[in-house]
Amino acid sequence: MTSKSKFSVQGSGLKVKSKKPRTSNLEPRTWFCSGFTLIEMAVVIVIISMVAIIVLPLLPATGAADLKNSARRLSTVVRYLGERSVTTKTPYRMRLDLNDSTIVIMKMVGGEETTPEDPYFSRNVLDEGVSIEDIEIQRLGKLGEGVVNLDFGAAGLGEFIVIHLKGGKEGHFTVTAFPYGGRVEVLEGYQEISL
């Protein structure tokens, strides 16, 4: 006696089930299948790439990047200080301490130094690990130690200056500022410029 999906053999007591015919080669995953599909791998790579794009800029900068950023920041401060002194007709003084590698901006009122109101001038100009190697000014020559005052009058910076920044083993950057025009340049390396 046979049926649609089963048949049995009379007398032997054995029953055999027949298999359903296969309609597709695709079977659902079972516990013994392992591995990842190409699409799953591509999605993981895209997610890791996006995380890297977001996280890498937030990591601490290297010494070379700190030196370059400090040189750019110094040139921006010199340019802004010159423009500010011209537009407000107020003299300013930039005090560069070559021993401590610190830069302080002061506003001159009646011949006395006062703290400027502008919060931009209270920022640290040089990053940690970056130092002022020397400064070259027309009236004083090349200076490697001590305190140097750069005065910005109603016409801006009054003299040509060259400032050499040093950053550990990463090298040098040179910042040059031209008088009465507001032009400031950042040059890579230790550049000797004749005054």
C-alpha atoms as a PDB file:
ATOM      1  CA  MET A   1       0.000   0.000   0.000  1.00  0.00           C
ATOM      2  CA  THR A   2       1.400   3.370  -0.973  1.00  0.00           C
ATOM      3  CA  SER A   3       0.444   6.885  -0.134  1.00  0.00           C
ATOM      4  CA  LYS A   4       1.562  10.238  -1.403  1.00  0.00           C
ATOM      5  CA  SER A   5       4.482  10.794   0.920  1.00  0.00           C
ATOM      6  CA  LYS A   6       4.964   7.443   2.659  1.00  0.00           C
ATOM      7  CA  PHE A   7       4.954   3.843   1.818  1.00  0.00           C
ATOM      8  CA  SER A   8       5.194   0.813   3.979  1.00  0.00           C
ATOM      9  CA  VAL A   9       6.301  -2.718   3.353  1.00  0.00           C
ATOM     10  CA  GLN A  10       3.780  -5.286   4.572  1.00  0.00           C
ATOM     11  CA  GLY A  11       5.094  -8.134   6.641  1.00  0.00           C
ATOM     12  CA  SER A  12       8.554  -6.804   7.490  1.00  0.00           C
ATOM     13  CA  GLY A  13       7.436  -4.127   9.887  1.00  0.00           C
ATOM     14  CA  LEU A  14       9.642  -1.457   8.284  1.00  0.00           C
ATOM     15  CA  LYS A  15       8.324   1.903   7.403  1.00  0.00           C
ATOM     16  CA  VAL A  16      10.354   4.176   5.093  1.00  0.00           C
ATOM     17  CA  LYS A  17       9.607   7.817   4.570  1.00  0.00           C
ATOM     18  CA  SER A  18      10.376   9.333   1.226  1.00  0.00           C
ATOM     19  CA  LYS A  19      12.018  12.762   0.939  1.00  0.00           C
ATOM     20  CA  LYS A  20      10.242  15.742  -0.505  1.00  0.00           C
ATOM     21  CA  PRO A  21      11.555  16.773  -3.866  1.00  0.00           C
ATOM     22  CA  ARG A  22      13.916  19.763  -3.738  1.00  0.00           C
ATOM     23  CA  THR A  23      12.648  22.919  -5.302  1.00  0.00           C
ATOM     24  CA  SER A  24      15.617  25.221  -4.506  1.00  0.00           C
ATOM     25  CA  ASN A  25      19.355  25.016  -3.874  1.00  0.00           C
ATOM     26  CA  LEU A  26      19.088  27.609  -1.108  1.00  0.00           C
ATOM     27  CA  GLU A  27      18.602  26.222   2.347  1.00  0.00           C
ATOM     28  CA  PRO A  28      18.345  28.203   5.549  1.00  0.00           C
ATOM     29  CA  ARG A  29      21.488  28.433   7.657  1.00  0.00           C
ATOM     30  CA  THR A  30      21.874  25.880  10.362  1.00  0.00           C
ATOM     31  CA  TRP A  31      24.090  25.805  13.434  1.00  0.00           C
ATOM     32  CA  PHE A  32      26.897  24.016  11.642  1.00  0.00           C
ATOM     33  CA  CYS A  33      27.264  26.640   8.870  1.00  0.00           C
ATOM     34  CA  SER A  34      29.950  29.210   9.728  1.00  0.00           C
ATOM     35  CA  GLY A  35      31.652  32.180   8.070  1.00  0.00           C
ATOM     36  CA  PHE A  36      30.573  35.596   6.826  1.00  0.00           C
ATOM     37  CA  THR A  37      29.108  36.658   3.547  1.00  0.00           C
ATOM     38  CA  LEU A  38      30.759  39.238   1.363  1.00  0.00           C
ATOM     39  CA  ILE A  39      28.054  41.780   2.183  1.00  0.00           C
ATOM     40  CA  GLU A  40      28.574  41.336   5.929  1.00  0.00           C
ATOM     41  CA  MET A  41      32.311  41.871   5.522  1.00  0.00           C
ATOM     42  CA  ALA A  42      31.739  45.000   3.404  1.00  0.00           C
ATOM     43  CA  VAL A  43      29.389  46.463   6.032  1.00  0.00           C
ATOM     44  CA  VAL A  44      31.945  45.864   8.807  1.00  0.00           C
ATOM     45  CA  ILE A  45      34.707  47.527   6.755  1.00  0.00           C
ATOM     46  CA  VAL A  46      32.486  50.557   6.084  1.00  0.00           C
ATOM     47  CA  ILE A  47      31.650  50.912   9.789  1.00  0.00           C
ATOM     48  CA  ILE A  48      35.319  50.646  10.828  1.00  0.00           C
ATOM     49  CA  SER A  49      36.260  53.242   8.190  1.00  0.00           C
ATOM     50  CA  MET A  50      33.637  55.669   9.447  1.00  0.00           C
ATOM     51  CA  VAL A  51      34.820  55.280  13.042  1.00  0.00           C
ATOM     52  CA  ALA A  52      38.427  55.868  11.946  1.00  0.00           C
ATOM     53  CA  ILE A  53      37.447  59.046  10.066  1.00  0.00           C
ATOM     54  CA  ILE A  54      35.740  60.403  13.165  1.00  0.00           C
ATOM     55  CA  VAL A  55      38.315  59.321  15.775  1.00  0.00           C
ATOM     56  CA  LEU A  56      41.692  59.969  14.074  1.00  0.00           C
ATOM     57  CA  PRO A  57      41.418  63.793  14.030  1.00  0.00           C
ATOM     58  CA  LEU A  58      40.683  63.722  17.768  1.00  0.00           C
ATOM     59  CA  LEU A  59      43.877  61.861  18.657  1.00  0.00           C
ATOM     60  CA  PRO A  60      46.789  63.881  20.059  1.00  0.00           C
ATOM     61  CA  ALA A  61      48.859  65.649  17.430  1.00  0.00           C
ATOM     62  CA  THR A  62      52.447  64.717  16.777  1.00  0.00           C
ATOM     63  CA  GLY A  63      55.350  67.016  17.556  1.00  0.00           C
ATOM     64  CA  ALA A  64      55.730  68.063  13.916  1.00  0.00           C
ATOM     65  CA  ALA A  65      52.072  69.039  13.737  1.00  0.00           C
ATOM     66  CA  ASP A  66      52.391  70.985  17.013  1.00  0.00           C
ATOM     67  CA  LEU A  67      55.345  72.933  15.603  1.00  0.00           C
ATOM     68  CA  LYS A  68      53.514  73.760  12.371  1.00  0.00           C
ATOM     69  CA  ASN A  69      50.344  74.765  14.232  1.00  0.00           C
ATOM     70  CA  SER A  70      52.347  76.965  16.619  1.00  0.00           C
ATOM     71  CA  ALA A  71      54.047  78.740  13.707  1.00  0.00           C
ATOM     72  CA  ARG A  72      50.708  79.358  12.023  1.00  0.00           C
ATOM     73  CA  ARG A  73      49.140  80.553  15.271  1.00  0.00           C
ATOM     74  CA  LEU A  74      52.053  82.946  15.906  1.00  0.00           C
ATOM     75  CA  SER A  75      51.735  84.400  12.404  1.00  0.00           C
ATOM     76  CA  THR A  76      47.990  84.831  12.913  1.00  0.00           C
ATOM     77  CA  VAL A  77      48.521  86.629  16.227  1.00  0.00           C
ATOM     78  CA  VAL A  78      51.136  88.965  14.703  1.00  0.00           C
ATOM     79  CA  ARG A  79      48.852  89.742  11.745  1.00  0.00           C
ATOM     80  CA  TYR A  80      45.784  90.259  13.966  1.00  0.00           C
ATOM     81  CA  LEU A  81      47.726  92.393  16.424  1.00  0.00           C
ATOM     82  CA  GLY A  82      48.934  94.634  13.598  1.00  0.00           C
ATOM     83  CA  GLU A  83      45.445  95.008  12.158  1.00  0.00           C
ATOM     84  CA  ARG A  84      43.925  95.613  15.591  1.00  0.00           C
ATOM     85  CA  SER A  85      46.453  98.345  16.439  1.00  0.00           C
ATOM     86  CA  VAL A  86      45.793 100.077  13.093  1.00  0.00           C
ATOM     87  CA  THR A  87      41.985  99.932  13.259  1.00  0.00           C
ATOM     88  CA  THR A  88      41.682 100.973  16.915  1.00  0.00           C
ATOM     89  CA  LYS A  89      44.655 103.379  16.839  1.00  0.00           C
ATOM     90  CA  THR A  90      45.777 101.711  20.072  1.00  0.00           C
ATOM     91  CA  PRO A  91      49.378 100.595  20.595  1.00  0.00           C
ATOM     92  CA  TYR A  92      50.048  97.007  21.660  1.00  0.00           C
ATOM     93  CA  ARG A  93      53.163  95.220  22.835  1.00  0.00           C
ATOM     94  CA  MET A  94      54.070  91.587  22.249  1.00  0.00           C
ATOM     95  CA  ARG A  95      56.511  90.352  24.885  1.00  0.00           C
ATOM     96  CA  LEU A  96      58.487  87.276  23.837  1.00  0.00           C
ATOM     97  CA  ASP A  97      60.416  85.553  26.615  1.00  0.00           C
ATOM     98  CA  LEU A  98      63.098  83.509  24.882  1.00  0.00           C
ATOM     99  CA  ASN A  99      64.102  81.693  28.069  1.00  0.00           C
ATOM    100  CA  ASP A 100      60.596  80.380  28.881  1.00  0.00           C
ATOM    101  CA  SER A 101      59.263  80.439  25.295  1.00  0.00           C
ATOM    102  CA  THR A 102      56.195  82.388  26.350  1.00  0.00           C
ATOM    103  CA  ILE A 103      54.366  85.125  24.484  1.00  0.00           C
ATOM    104  CA  VAL A 104      52.280  87.760  26.272  1.00  0.00           C
ATOM    105  CA  ILE A 105      50.204  90.468  24.590  1.00  0.00           C
ATOM    106  CA  MET A 106      49.726  93.771  26.422  1.00  0.00           C
ATOM    107  CA  LYS A 107      47.722  96.874  25.546  1.00  0.00           C
ATOM    108  CA  MET A 108      49.531 100.184  25.986  1.00  0.00           C
ATOM    109  CA  VAL A 109      47.469 102.892  27.697  1.00  0.00           C
ATOM    110  CA  GLY A 110      49.221 106.140  28.606  1.00  0.00           C
ATOM    111  CA  GLY A 111      52.622 104.432  28.431  1.00  0.00           C
ATOM    112  CA  GLU A 112      51.534 101.723  30.877  1.00  0.00           C
ATOM    113  CA  GLU A 113      50.935  98.061  30.044  1.00  0.00           C
ATOM    114  CA  THR A 114      47.425  96.745  30.686  1.00  0.00           C
ATOM    115  CA  THR A 115      45.720  93.452  29.916  1.00  0.00           C
ATOM    116  CA  PRO A 116      43.751  93.646  26.656  1.00  0.00           C
ATOM    117  CA  GLU A 117      40.001  92.981  26.737  1.00  0.00           C
ATOM    118  CA  ASP A 118      40.152  90.757  23.665  1.00  0.00           C
ATOM    119  CA  PRO A 119      40.052  87.089  24.810  1.00  0.00           C
ATOM    120  CA  TYR A 120      41.976  86.099  21.678  1.00  0.00           C
ATOM    121  CA  PHE A 121      45.148  87.544  23.207  1.00  0.00           C
ATOM    122  CA  SER A 122      44.904  85.386  26.323  1.00  0.00           C
ATOM    123  CA  ARG A 123      45.357  82.121  24.396  1.00  0.00           C
ATOM    124  CA  ASN A 124      48.584  80.135  24.435  1.00  0.00           C
ATOM    125  CA  VAL A 125      50.347  80.802  21.170  1.00  0.00           C
ATOM    126  CA  LEU A 126      52.962  78.040  21.367  1.00  0.00           C
ATOM    127  CA  ASP A 127      52.107  74.412  21.996  1.00  0.00           C
ATOM    128  CA  GLU A 128      53.931  72.375  24.601  1.00  0.00           C
ATOM    129  CA  GLY A 129      57.310  71.213  23.317  1.00  0.00           C
ATOM    130  CA  VAL A 130      57.684  74.173  20.922  1.00  0.00           C
ATOM    131  CA  SER A 131      60.208  76.846  21.823  1.00  0.00           C
ATOM    132  CA  ILE A 132      61.503  80.125  20.417  1.00  0.00           C
ATOM    133  CA  GLU A 133      65.057  79.481  19.265  1.00  0.00           C
ATOM    134  CA  ASP A 134      65.904  83.067  18.359  1.00  0.00           C
ATOM    135  CA  ILE A 135      64.541  86.358  17.068  1.00  0.00           C
ATOM    136  CA  GLU A 136      66.138  88.677  14.564  1.00  0.00           C
ATOM    137  CA  ILE A 137      65.172  92.353  14.597  1.00  0.00           C
ATOM    138  CA  GLN A 138      66.749  95.190  12.612  1.00  0.00           C
ATOM    139  CA  ARG A 139      67.438  97.415  15.619  1.00  0.00           C
ATOM    140  CA  LEU A 140      68.798  94.634  17.915  1.00  0.00           C
ATOM    141  CA  GLY A 141      70.181  91.954  15.597  1.00  0.00           C
ATOM    142  CA  LYS A 142      69.822  88.255  16.431  1.00  0.00           C
ATOM    143  CA  LEU A 143      68.805  87.427  20.012  1.00  0.00           C
ATOM    144  CA  GLY A 144      68.786  83.944  21.549  1.00  0.00           C
ATOM    145  CA  GLU A 145      67.929  84.713  25.166  1.00  0.00           C
ATOM    146  CA  GLY A 146      66.206  87.292  27.315  1.00  0.00           C
ATOM    147  CA  VAL A 147      62.952  89.165  26.763  1.00  0.00           C
ATOM    148  CA  VAL A 148      62.112  90.951  23.513  1.00  0.00           C
ATOM    149  CA  ASN A 149      59.339  93.532  23.193  1.00  0.00           C
ATOM    150  CA  LEU A 150      57.723  94.022  19.800  1.00  0.00           C
ATOM    151  CA  ASP A 151      55.725  97.246  19.627  1.00  0.00           C
ATOM    152  CA  PHE A 152      52.709  97.674  17.371  1.00  0.00           C
ATOM    153  CA  GLY A 153      51.769 101.332  16.902  1.00  0.00           C
ATOM    154  CA  ALA A 154      49.009 103.122  15.041  1.00  0.00           C
ATOM    155  CA  ALA A 155      50.667 102.050  11.758  1.00  0.00           C
ATOM    156  CA  GLY A 156      51.081  98.402  12.801  1.00  0.00           C
ATOM    157  CA  LEU A 157      54.378  96.619  13.290  1.00  0.00           C
ATOM    158  CA  GLY A 158      57.221  99.104  12.976  1.00  0.00           C
ATOM    159  CA  GLU A 159      60.124  96.840  11.971  1.00  0.00           C
ATOM    160  CA  PHE A 160      60.940  93.667  10.096  1.00  0.00           C
ATOM    161  CA  ILE A 161      61.222  90.601  12.365  1.00  0.00           C
ATOM    162  CA  VAL A 162      62.245  86.985  11.921  1.00  0.00           C
ATOM    163  CA  ILE A 163      61.256  84.443  14.579  1.00  0.00           C
ATOM    164  CA  HIS A 164      62.679  80.897  14.533  1.00  0.00           C
ATOM    165  CA  LEU A 165      60.626  78.225  16.288  1.00  0.00           C
ATOM    166  CA  LYS A 166      62.088  74.881  17.302  1.00  0.00           C
ATOM    167  CA  GLY A 167      60.147  71.722  18.074  1.00  0.00           C
ATOM    168  CA  GLY A 168      62.263  69.013  19.690  1.00  0.00           C
ATOM    169  CA  LYS A 169      63.542  66.636  17.014  1.00  0.00           C
ATOM    170  CA  GLU A 170      60.893  67.664  14.496  1.00  0.00           C
ATOM    171  CA  GLY A 171      62.798  70.617  13.053  1.00  0.00           C
ATOM    172  CA  HIS A 172      62.211  74.339  12.689  1.00  0.00           C
ATOM    173  CA  PHE A 173      59.761  76.855  11.310  1.00  0.00           C
ATOM    174  CA  THR A 174      60.494  80.481  10.492  1.00  0.00           C
ATOM    175  CA  VAL A 175      57.921  83.262  10.924  1.00  0.00           C
ATOM    176  CA  THR A 176      58.659  86.560   9.177  1.00  0.00           C
ATOM    177  CA  ALA A 177      56.673  89.776   9.632  1.00  0.00           C
ATOM    178  CA  PHE A 178      57.032  92.819   7.434  1.00  0.00           C
ATOM    179  CA  PRO A 179      56.531  96.370   8.761  1.00  0.00           C
ATOM    180  CA  TYR A 180      53.549  98.614   7.971  1.00  0.00           C
ATOM    181  CA  GLY A 181      51.804  96.159   5.650  1.00  0.00           C
ATOM    182  CA  GLY A 182      50.565  93.345   7.819  1.00  0.00           C
ATOM    183  CA  ARG A 183      52.259  90.720   5.673  1.00  0.00           C
ATOM    184  CA  VAL A 184      53.372  87.682   7.687  1.00  0.00           C
ATOM    185  CA  GLU A 185      54.882  84.497   6.251  1.00  0.00           C
ATOM    186  CA  VAL A 186      55.462  81.029   7.657  1.00  0.00           C
ATOM    187  CA  LEU A 187      58.417  79.154   6.165  1.00  0.00           C
ATOM    188  CA  GLU A 188      59.390  75.572   6.851  1.00  0.00           C
ATOM    189  CA  GLY A 189      62.878  75.040   8.240  1.00  0.00           C
ATOM    190  CA  TYR A 190      65.408  77.433   9.734  1.00  0.00           C
ATOM    191  CA  GLN A 191      65.552  80.195   7.121  1.00  0.00           C
ATOM    192  CA  GLU A 192      68.298  82.812   7.293  1.00  0.00           C
ATOM    193  CA  ILE A 193      66.820  86.049   5.956  1.00  0.00           C
ATOM    194  CA  SER A 194      68.934  89.142   5.517  1.00  0.00           C
ATOM    195  CA  LEU A 195      67.482  92.264   7.093  1.00  0.00           C
END
